[in-house]
Amino acid sequence: GEYAIPPEQLMFRIGRTYIQLGNLKQAELSFKKGLASNKKEAGCLVGLADVSLKLGKKNLAIQFLEYAKKLYPDRIDIQTFLDTAKSFSI
């Protein structure tokens, strides 16, 4: 049978792969493409926060995570990453 994956999840997985390869700019583009397909994709929001932190953009990372937390208030993983990002010193 056919296996289909939503575009935003595909872009999330591609973005994570780019992070593992050390290509943060391509990762960022992939996550943004995912959000263009679905503005509420938690994985892409968290991915953009991860890239932002790695690029030294703490405030931007916190914005992505706060938005994700607003969309998904019960997600403990997002809250944990948000707490970590807030305590992160750049």
PDB file of N, CA and C in Angstrom:
ATOM      1  N   GLY A   1       0.802  -1.168   0.000  1.00  0.00           N
ATOM      2  CA  GLY A   1       0.000   0.000   0.000  1.00  0.00           C
ATOM      3  C   GLY A   1       0.861   1.254   0.000  1.00  0.00           C
ATOM      4  N   GLU A   2       0.216   2.348  -0.149  1.00  0.00           N
ATOM      5  CA  GLU A   2       0.916   3.629  -0.158  1.00  0.00           C
ATOM      6  C   GLU A   2       1.116   4.141   1.258  1.00  0.00           C
ATOM      7  N   TYR A   3       2.189   4.831   1.432  1.00  0.00           N
ATOM      8  CA  TYR A   3       2.477   5.480   2.708  1.00  0.00           C
ATOM      9  C   TYR A   3       2.599   6.964   2.438  1.00  0.00           C
ATOM     10  N   ALA A   4       1.788   7.739   3.107  1.00  0.00           N
ATOM     11  CA  ALA A   4       1.816   9.191   2.910  1.00  0.00           C
ATOM     12  C   ALA A   4       2.186   9.864   4.224  1.00  0.00           C
ATOM     13  N   ILE A   5       2.970  10.896   4.111  1.00  0.00           N
ATOM     14  CA  ILE A   5       3.348  11.674   5.280  1.00  0.00           C
ATOM     15  C   ILE A   5       2.998  13.130   4.982  1.00  0.00           C
ATOM     16  N   PRO A   6       2.365  13.814   5.926  1.00  0.00           N
ATOM     17  CA  PRO A   6       2.029  15.217   5.689  1.00  0.00           C
ATOM     18  C   PRO A   6       3.291  16.045   5.419  1.00  0.00           C
ATOM     19  N   PRO A   7       3.198  17.041   4.548  1.00  0.00           N
ATOM     20  CA  PRO A   7       4.373  17.843   4.180  1.00  0.00           C
ATOM     21  C   PRO A   7       5.090  18.458   5.381  1.00  0.00           C
ATOM     22  N   GLU A   8       4.318  18.915   6.379  1.00  0.00           N
ATOM     23  CA  GLU A   8       4.963  19.550   7.532  1.00  0.00           C
ATOM     24  C   GLU A   8       5.789  18.555   8.337  1.00  0.00           C
ATOM     25  N   GLN A   9       5.350  17.307   8.400  1.00  0.00           N
ATOM     26  CA  GLN A   9       6.134  16.299   9.116  1.00  0.00           C
ATOM     27  C   GLN A   9       7.360  15.885   8.314  1.00  0.00           C
ATOM     28  N   LEU A  10       7.224  15.845   7.013  1.00  0.00           N
ATOM     29  CA  LEU A  10       8.371  15.559   6.152  1.00  0.00           C
ATOM     30  C   LEU A  10       9.433  16.644   6.309  1.00  0.00           C
ATOM     31  N   MET A  11       9.001  17.897   6.286  1.00  0.00           N
ATOM     32  CA  MET A  11       9.946  19.011   6.448  1.00  0.00           C
ATOM     33  C   MET A  11      10.602  18.989   7.835  1.00  0.00           C
ATOM     34  N   PHE A  12       9.838  18.580   8.857  1.00  0.00           N
ATOM     35  CA  PHE A  12      10.409  18.439  10.193  1.00  0.00           C
ATOM     36  C   PHE A  12      11.534  17.402  10.183  1.00  0.00           C
ATOM     37  N   ARG A  13      11.284  16.267   9.576  1.00  0.00           N
ATOM     38  CA  ARG A  13      12.292  15.193   9.543  1.00  0.00           C
ATOM     39  C   ARG A  13      13.516  15.598   8.725  1.00  0.00           C
ATOM     40  N   ILE A  14      13.288  16.285   7.637  1.00  0.00           N
ATOM     41  CA  ILE A  14      14.413  16.774   6.832  1.00  0.00           C
ATOM     42  C   ILE A  14      15.209  17.803   7.639  1.00  0.00           C
ATOM     43  N   GLY A  15      14.510  18.691   8.324  1.00  0.00           N
ATOM     44  CA  GLY A  15      15.187  19.682   9.158  1.00  0.00           C
ATOM     45  C   GLY A  15      16.036  19.043  10.236  1.00  0.00           C
ATOM     46  N   ARG A  16      15.506  18.011  10.908  1.00  0.00           N
ATOM     47  CA  ARG A  16      16.283  17.307  11.945  1.00  0.00           C
ATOM     48  C   ARG A  16      17.526  16.667  11.334  1.00  0.00           C
ATOM     49  N   THR A  17      17.384  16.148  10.122  1.00  0.00           N
ATOM     50  CA  THR A  17      18.530  15.542   9.445  1.00  0.00           C
ATOM     51  C   THR A  17      19.595  16.597   9.162  1.00  0.00           C
ATOM     52  N   TYR A  18      19.183  17.771   8.702  1.00  0.00           N
ATOM     53  CA  TYR A  18      20.145  18.847   8.456  1.00  0.00           C
ATOM     54  C   TYR A  18      20.850  19.280   9.744  1.00  0.00           C
ATOM     55  N   ILE A  19      20.118  19.300  10.857  1.00  0.00           N
ATOM     56  CA  ILE A  19      20.774  19.633  12.130  1.00  0.00           C
ATOM     57  C   ILE A  19      21.866  18.612  12.428  1.00  0.00           C
ATOM     58  N   GLN A  20      21.553  17.342  12.250  1.00  0.00           N
ATOM     59  CA  GLN A  20      22.546  16.291  12.508  1.00  0.00           C
ATOM     60  C   GLN A  20      23.759  16.429  11.592  1.00  0.00           C
ATOM     61  N   LEU A  21      23.556  16.944  10.400  1.00  0.00           N
ATOM     62  CA  LEU A  21      24.656  17.152   9.455  1.00  0.00           C
ATOM     63  C   LEU A  21      25.398  18.466   9.703  1.00  0.00           C
ATOM     64  N   GLY A  22      24.880  19.273  10.624  1.00  0.00           N
ATOM     65  CA  GLY A  22      25.520  20.543  10.941  1.00  0.00           C
ATOM     66  C   GLY A  22      25.150  21.680  10.004  1.00  0.00           C
ATOM     67  N   ASN A  23      24.140  21.494   9.190  1.00  0.00           N
ATOM     68  CA  ASN A  23      23.718  22.517   8.236  1.00  0.00           C
ATOM     69  C   ASN A  23      22.494  23.243   8.803  1.00  0.00           C
ATOM     70  N   LEU A  24      22.761  24.208   9.669  1.00  0.00           N
ATOM     71  CA  LEU A  24      21.676  24.891  10.373  1.00  0.00           C
ATOM     72  C   LEU A  24      20.819  25.750   9.452  1.00  0.00           C
ATOM     73  N   LYS A  25      21.407  26.349   8.456  1.00  0.00           N
ATOM     74  CA  LYS A  25      20.630  27.191   7.541  1.00  0.00           C
ATOM     75  C   LYS A  25      19.607  26.360   6.760  1.00  0.00           C
ATOM     76  N   GLN A  26      20.018  25.197   6.277  1.00  0.00           N
ATOM     77  CA  GLN A  26      19.084  24.330   5.552  1.00  0.00           C
ATOM     78  C   GLN A  26      18.017  23.779   6.500  1.00  0.00           C
ATOM     79  N   ALA A  27      18.418  23.489   7.738  1.00  0.00           N
ATOM     80  CA  ALA A  27      17.454  23.022   8.738  1.00  0.00           C
ATOM     81  C   ALA A  27      16.394  24.095   8.962  1.00  0.00           C
ATOM     82  N   GLU A  28      16.841  25.317   9.123  1.00  0.00           N
ATOM     83  CA  GLU A  28      15.919  26.431   9.340  1.00  0.00           C
ATOM     84  C   GLU A  28      14.936  26.563   8.177  1.00  0.00           C
ATOM     85  N   LEU A  29      15.444  26.474   6.959  1.00  0.00           N
ATOM     86  CA  LEU A  29      14.573  26.561   5.781  1.00  0.00           C
ATOM     87  C   LEU A  29      13.547  25.432   5.751  1.00  0.00           C
ATOM     88  N   SER A  30      13.969  24.231   6.114  1.00  0.00           N
ATOM     89  CA  SER A  30      13.056  23.087   6.121  1.00  0.00           C
ATOM     90  C   SER A  30      11.943  23.286   7.142  1.00  0.00           C
ATOM     91  N   PHE A  31      12.311  23.739   8.348  1.00  0.00           N
ATOM     92  CA  PHE A  31      11.293  23.969   9.371  1.00  0.00           C
ATOM     93  C   PHE A  31      10.320  25.069   8.943  1.00  0.00           C
ATOM     94  N   LYS A  32      10.824  26.102   8.298  1.00  0.00           N
ATOM     95  CA  LYS A  32       9.951  27.175   7.820  1.00  0.00           C
ATOM     96  C   LYS A  32       9.005  26.672   6.734  1.00  0.00           C
ATOM     97  N   LYS A  33       9.488  25.792   5.874  1.00  0.00           N
ATOM     98  CA  LYS A  33       8.619  25.200   4.855  1.00  0.00           C
ATOM     99  C   LYS A  33       7.526  24.362   5.515  1.00  0.00           C
ATOM    100  N   GLY A  34       7.893  23.645   6.565  1.00  0.00           N
ATOM    101  CA  GLY A  34       6.904  22.861   7.297  1.00  0.00           C
ATOM    102  C   GLY A  34       5.824  23.739   7.895  1.00  0.00           C
ATOM    103  N   LEU A  35       6.239  24.880   8.461  1.00  0.00           N
ATOM    104  CA  LEU A  35       5.265  25.805   9.041  1.00  0.00           C
ATOM    105  C   LEU A  35       4.410  26.477   7.974  1.00  0.00           C
ATOM    106  N   ALA A  36       4.941  26.609   6.773  1.00  0.00           N
ATOM    107  CA  ALA A  36       4.143  27.163   5.682  1.00  0.00           C
ATOM    108  C   ALA A  36       2.989  26.211   5.333  1.00  0.00           C
ATOM    109  N   SER A  37       3.209  24.925   5.536  1.00  0.00           N
ATOM    110  CA  SER A  37       2.152  23.937   5.290  1.00  0.00           C
ATOM    111  C   SER A  37       1.166  23.858   6.440  1.00  0.00           C
ATOM    112  N   ASN A  38       1.681  24.044   7.654  1.00  0.00           N
ATOM    113  CA  ASN A  38       0.829  23.958   8.848  1.00  0.00           C
ATOM    114  C   ASN A  38       1.437  24.836   9.932  1.00  0.00           C
ATOM    115  N   LYS A  39       0.843  25.991  10.157  1.00  0.00           N
ATOM    116  CA  LYS A  39       1.373  26.973  11.113  1.00  0.00           C
ATOM    117  C   LYS A  39       1.364  26.475  12.556  1.00  0.00           C
ATOM    118  N   LYS A  40       0.708  25.346  12.805  1.00  0.00           N
ATOM    119  CA  LYS A  40       0.620  24.803  14.159  1.00  0.00           C
ATOM    120  C   LYS A  40       1.467  23.546  14.354  1.00  0.00           C
ATOM    121  N   GLU A  41       2.404  23.292  13.459  1.00  0.00           N
ATOM    122  CA  GLU A  41       3.249  22.099  13.548  1.00  0.00           C
ATOM    123  C   GLU A  41       4.258  22.271  14.688  1.00  0.00           C
ATOM    124  N   ALA A  42       4.023  21.564  15.783  1.00  0.00           N
ATOM    125  CA  ALA A  42       4.877  21.684  16.973  1.00  0.00           C
ATOM    126  C   ALA A  42       6.317  21.302  16.673  1.00  0.00           C
ATOM    127  N   GLY A  43       6.520  20.253  15.899  1.00  0.00           N
ATOM    128  CA  GLY A  43       7.879  19.808  15.599  1.00  0.00           C
ATOM    129  C   GLY A  43       8.697  20.882  14.904  1.00  0.00           C
ATOM    130  N   CYS A  44       8.099  21.566  13.953  1.00  0.00           N
ATOM    131  CA  CYS A  44       8.813  22.618  13.231  1.00  0.00           C
ATOM    132  C   CYS A  44       9.072  23.830  14.127  1.00  0.00           C
ATOM    133  N   LEU A  45       8.126  24.150  15.003  1.00  0.00           N
ATOM    134  CA  LEU A  45       8.346  25.255  15.942  1.00  0.00           C
ATOM    135  C   LEU A  45       9.496  24.944  16.891  1.00  0.00           C
ATOM    136  N   VAL A  46       9.515  23.728  17.410  1.00  0.00           N
ATOM    137  CA  VAL A  46      10.596  23.312  18.301  1.00  0.00           C
ATOM    138  C   VAL A  46      11.918  23.236  17.523  1.00  0.00           C
ATOM    139  N   GLY A  47      11.851  22.779  16.293  1.00  0.00           N
ATOM    140  CA  GLY A  47      13.046  22.731  15.453  1.00  0.00           C
ATOM    141  C   GLY A  47      13.630  24.112  15.218  1.00  0.00           C
ATOM    142  N   LEU A  48      12.770  25.079  14.944  1.00  0.00           N
ATOM    143  CA  LEU A  48      13.237  26.461  14.761  1.00  0.00           C
ATOM    144  C   LEU A  48      13.826  27.010  16.055  1.00  0.00           C
ATOM    145  N   ALA A  49      13.248  26.641  17.187  1.00  0.00           N
ATOM    146  CA  ALA A  49      13.812  27.063  18.473  1.00  0.00           C
ATOM    147  C   ALA A  49      15.195  26.459  18.669  1.00  0.00           C
ATOM    148  N   ASP A  50      15.348  25.195  18.322  1.00  0.00           N
ATOM    149  CA  ASP A  50      16.641  24.514  18.449  1.00  0.00           C
ATOM    150  C   ASP A  50      17.696  25.197  17.578  1.00  0.00           C
ATOM    151  N   VAL A  51      17.350  25.453  16.331  1.00  0.00           N
ATOM    152  CA  VAL A  51      18.278  26.130  15.418  1.00  0.00           C
ATOM    153  C   VAL A  51      18.611  27.526  15.948  1.00  0.00           C
ATOM    154  N   SER A  52      17.613  28.238  16.410  1.00  0.00           N
ATOM    155  CA  SER A  52      17.828  29.601  16.923  1.00  0.00           C
ATOM    156  C   SER A  52      18.804  29.591  18.096  1.00  0.00           C
ATOM    157  N   LEU A  53      18.632  28.648  19.008  1.00  0.00           N
ATOM    158  CA  LEU A  53      19.573  28.555  20.138  1.00  0.00           C
ATOM    159  C   LEU A  53      20.980  28.258  19.650  1.00  0.00           C
ATOM    160  N   LYS A  54      21.100  27.338  18.713  1.00  0.00           N
ATOM    161  CA  LYS A  54      22.417  26.971  18.174  1.00  0.00           C
ATOM    162  C   LYS A  54      23.087  28.148  17.465  1.00  0.00           C
ATOM    163  N   LEU A  55      22.266  29.069  16.936  1.00  0.00           N
ATOM    164  CA  LEU A  55      22.795  30.254  16.256  1.00  0.00           C
ATOM    165  C   LEU A  55      22.966  31.443  17.209  1.00  0.00           C
ATOM    166  N   GLY A  56      22.705  31.216  18.501  1.00  0.00           N
ATOM    167  CA  GLY A  56      22.877  32.276  19.490  1.00  0.00           C
ATOM    168  C   GLY A  56      21.724  33.257  19.560  1.00  0.00           C
ATOM    169  N   LYS A  57      20.560  32.863  19.071  1.00  0.00           N
ATOM    170  CA  LYS A  57      19.386  33.736  19.065  1.00  0.00           C
ATOM    171  C   LYS A  57      18.395  33.257  20.131  1.00  0.00           C
ATOM    172  N   LYS A  58      18.784  33.450  21.379  1.00  0.00           N
ATOM    173  CA  LYS A  58      17.996  32.962  22.509  1.00  0.00           C
ATOM    174  C   LYS A  58      16.578  33.520  22.526  1.00  0.00           C
ATOM    175  N   ASN A  59      16.425  34.819  22.339  1.00  0.00           N
ATOM    176  CA  ASN A  59      15.092  35.434  22.401  1.00  0.00           C
ATOM    177  C   ASN A  59      14.166  34.886  21.327  1.00  0.00           C
ATOM    178  N   LEU A  60      14.697  34.661  20.138  1.00  0.00           N
ATOM    179  CA  LEU A  60      13.892  34.093  19.056  1.00  0.00           C
ATOM    180  C   LEU A  60      13.476  32.668  19.403  1.00  0.00           C
ATOM    181  N   ALA A  61      14.395  31.900  19.964  1.00  0.00           N
ATOM    182  CA  ALA A  61      14.087  30.528  20.373  1.00  0.00           C
ATOM    183  C   ALA A  61      12.954  30.529  21.391  1.00  0.00           C
ATOM    184  N   ILE A  62      13.019  31.433  22.350  1.00  0.00           N
ATOM    185  CA  ILE A  62      11.983  31.517  23.375  1.00  0.00           C
ATOM    186  C   ILE A  62      10.636  31.882  22.752  1.00  0.00           C
ATOM    187  N   GLN A  63      10.640  32.758  21.766  1.00  0.00           N
ATOM    188  CA  GLN A  63       9.388  33.128  21.092  1.00  0.00           C
ATOM    189  C   GLN A  63       8.746  31.919  20.410  1.00  0.00           C
ATOM    190  N   PHE A  64       9.560  31.134  19.707  1.00  0.00           N
ATOM    191  CA  PHE A  64       9.030  29.929  19.051  1.00  0.00           C
ATOM    192  C   PHE A  64       8.455  28.970  20.084  1.00  0.00           C
ATOM    193  N   LEU A  65       9.158  28.787  21.184  1.00  0.00           N
ATOM    194  CA  LEU A  65       8.712  27.847  22.207  1.00  0.00           C
ATOM    195  C   LEU A  65       7.476  28.341  22.950  1.00  0.00           C
ATOM    196  N   GLU A  66       7.409  29.636  23.202  1.00  0.00           N
ATOM    197  CA  GLU A  66       6.217  30.172  23.862  1.00  0.00           C
ATOM    198  C   GLU A  66       4.986  30.028  22.972  1.00  0.00           C
ATOM    199  N   TYR A  67       5.166  30.210  21.679  1.00  0.00           N
ATOM    200  CA  TYR A  67       4.051  30.017  20.754  1.00  0.00           C
ATOM    201  C   TYR A  67       3.625  28.547  20.730  1.00  0.00           C
ATOM    202  N   ALA A  68       4.608  27.653  20.672  1.00  0.00           N
ATOM    203  CA  ALA A  68       4.305  26.217  20.685  1.00  0.00           C
ATOM    204  C   ALA A  68       3.590  25.833  21.978  1.00  0.00           C
ATOM    205  N   LYS A  69       4.039  26.389  23.095  1.00  0.00           N
ATOM    206  CA  LYS A  69       3.415  26.100  24.392  1.00  0.00           C
ATOM    207  C   LYS A  69       1.983  26.620  24.441  1.00  0.00           C
ATOM    208  N   LYS A  70       1.748  27.759  23.827  1.00  0.00           N
ATOM    209  CA  LYS A  70       0.386  28.311  23.759  1.00  0.00           C
ATOM    210  C   LYS A  70      -0.535  27.381  22.960  1.00  0.00           C
ATOM    211  N   LEU A  71      -0.016  26.818  21.884  1.00  0.00           N
ATOM    212  CA  LEU A  71      -0.796  25.904  21.053  1.00  0.00           C
ATOM    213  C   LEU A  71      -1.017  24.555  21.728  1.00  0.00           C
ATOM    214  N   TYR A  72       0.001  24.094  22.457  1.00  0.00           N
ATOM    215  CA  TYR A  72      -0.014  22.760  23.068  1.00  0.00           C
ATOM    216  C   TYR A  72       0.359  22.858  24.547  1.00  0.00           C
ATOM    217  N   PRO A  73      -0.537  23.411  25.371  1.00  0.00           N
ATOM    218  CA  PRO A  73      -0.212  23.664  26.777  1.00  0.00           C
ATOM    219  C   PRO A  73       0.083  22.410  27.604  1.00  0.00           C
ATOM    220  N   ASP A  74      -0.348  21.256  27.153  1.00  0.00           N
ATOM    221  CA  ASP A  74      -0.128  20.028  27.917  1.00  0.00           C
ATOM    222  C   ASP A  74       1.166  19.304  27.553  1.00  0.00           C
ATOM    223  N   ARG A  75       1.906  19.818  26.589  1.00  0.00           N
ATOM    224  CA  ARG A  75       3.141  19.154  26.159  1.00  0.00           C
ATOM    225  C   ARG A  75       4.287  19.487  27.115  1.00  0.00           C
ATOM    226  N   ILE A  76       4.638  18.538  27.946  1.00  0.00           N
ATOM    227  CA  ILE A  76       5.694  18.725  28.940  1.00  0.00           C
ATOM    228  C   ILE A  76       7.050  18.927  28.270  1.00  0.00           C
ATOM    229  N   ASP A  77       7.288  18.254  27.144  1.00  0.00           N
ATOM    230  CA  ASP A  77       8.566  18.393  26.454  1.00  0.00           C
ATOM    231  C   ASP A  77       8.798  19.823  25.981  1.00  0.00           C
ATOM    232  N   ILE A  78       7.742  20.482  25.537  1.00  0.00           N
ATOM    233  CA  ILE A  78       7.884  21.873  25.098  1.00  0.00           C
ATOM    234  C   ILE A  78       8.177  22.768  26.293  1.00  0.00           C
ATOM    235  N   GLN A  79       7.475  22.545  27.408  1.00  0.00           N
ATOM    236  CA  GLN A  79       7.732  23.342  28.610  1.00  0.00           C
ATOM    237  C   GLN A  79       9.158  23.136  29.111  1.00  0.00           C
ATOM    238  N   THR A  80       9.640  21.907  29.076  1.00  0.00           N
ATOM    239  CA  THR A  80      11.000  21.613  29.520  1.00  0.00           C
ATOM    240  C   THR A  80      12.022  22.328  28.654  1.00  0.00           C
ATOM    241  N   PHE A  81      11.820  22.297  27.333  1.00  0.00           N
ATOM    242  CA  PHE A  81      12.742  22.981  26.425  1.00  0.00           C
ATOM    243  C   PHE A  81      12.665  24.489  26.643  1.00  0.00           C
ATOM    244  N   LEU A  82      11.471  25.006  26.879  1.00  0.00           N
ATOM    245  CA  LEU A  82      11.311  26.440  27.143  1.00  0.00           C
ATOM    246  C   LEU A  82      12.069  26.839  28.407  1.00  0.00           C
ATOM    247  N   ASP A  83      11.938  26.054  29.464  1.00  0.00           N
ATOM    248  CA  ASP A  83      12.669  26.325  30.710  1.00  0.00           C
ATOM    249  C   ASP A  83      14.179  26.289  30.477  1.00  0.00           C
ATOM    250  N   THR A  84      14.627  25.330  29.708  1.00  0.00           N
ATOM    251  CA  THR A  84      16.055  25.205  29.392  1.00  0.00           C
ATOM    252  C   THR A  84      16.527  26.401  28.598  1.00  0.00           C
ATOM    253  N   ALA A  85      15.750  26.802  27.594  1.00  0.00           N
ATOM    254  CA  ALA A  85      16.128  27.939  26.743  1.00  0.00           C
ATOM    255  C   ALA A  85      16.225  29.223  27.571  1.00  0.00           C
ATOM    256  N   LYS A  86      15.288  29.405  28.498  1.00  0.00           N
ATOM    257  CA  LYS A  86      15.308  30.607  29.326  1.00  0.00           C
ATOM    258  C   LYS A  86      16.533  30.668  30.229  1.00  0.00           C
ATOM    259  N   SER A  87      17.026  29.508  30.637  1.00  0.00           N
ATOM    260  CA  SER A  87      18.192  29.485  31.521  1.00  0.00           C
ATOM    261  C   SER A  87      19.510  29.421  30.746  1.00  0.00           C
ATOM    262  N   PHE A  88      19.422  29.269  29.442  1.00  0.00           N
ATOM    263  CA  PHE A  88      20.593  29.147  28.583  1.00  0.00           C
ATOM    264  C   PHE A  88      21.320  30.483  28.513  1.00  0.00           C
ATOM    265  N   SER A  89      22.610  30.474  28.740  1.00  0.00           N
ATOM    266  CA  SER A  89      23.372  31.724  28.636  1.00  0.00           C
ATOM    267  C   SER A  89      24.186  31.712  27.348  1.00  0.00           C
ATOM    268  N   ILE A  90      24.059  32.797  26.618  1.00  0.00           N
ATOM    269  CA  ILE A  90      24.747  32.908  25.313  1.00  0.00           C
ATOM    270  C   ILE A  90      25.802  33.976  25.437  1.00  0.00           C
TER     271      ILE A  90
END
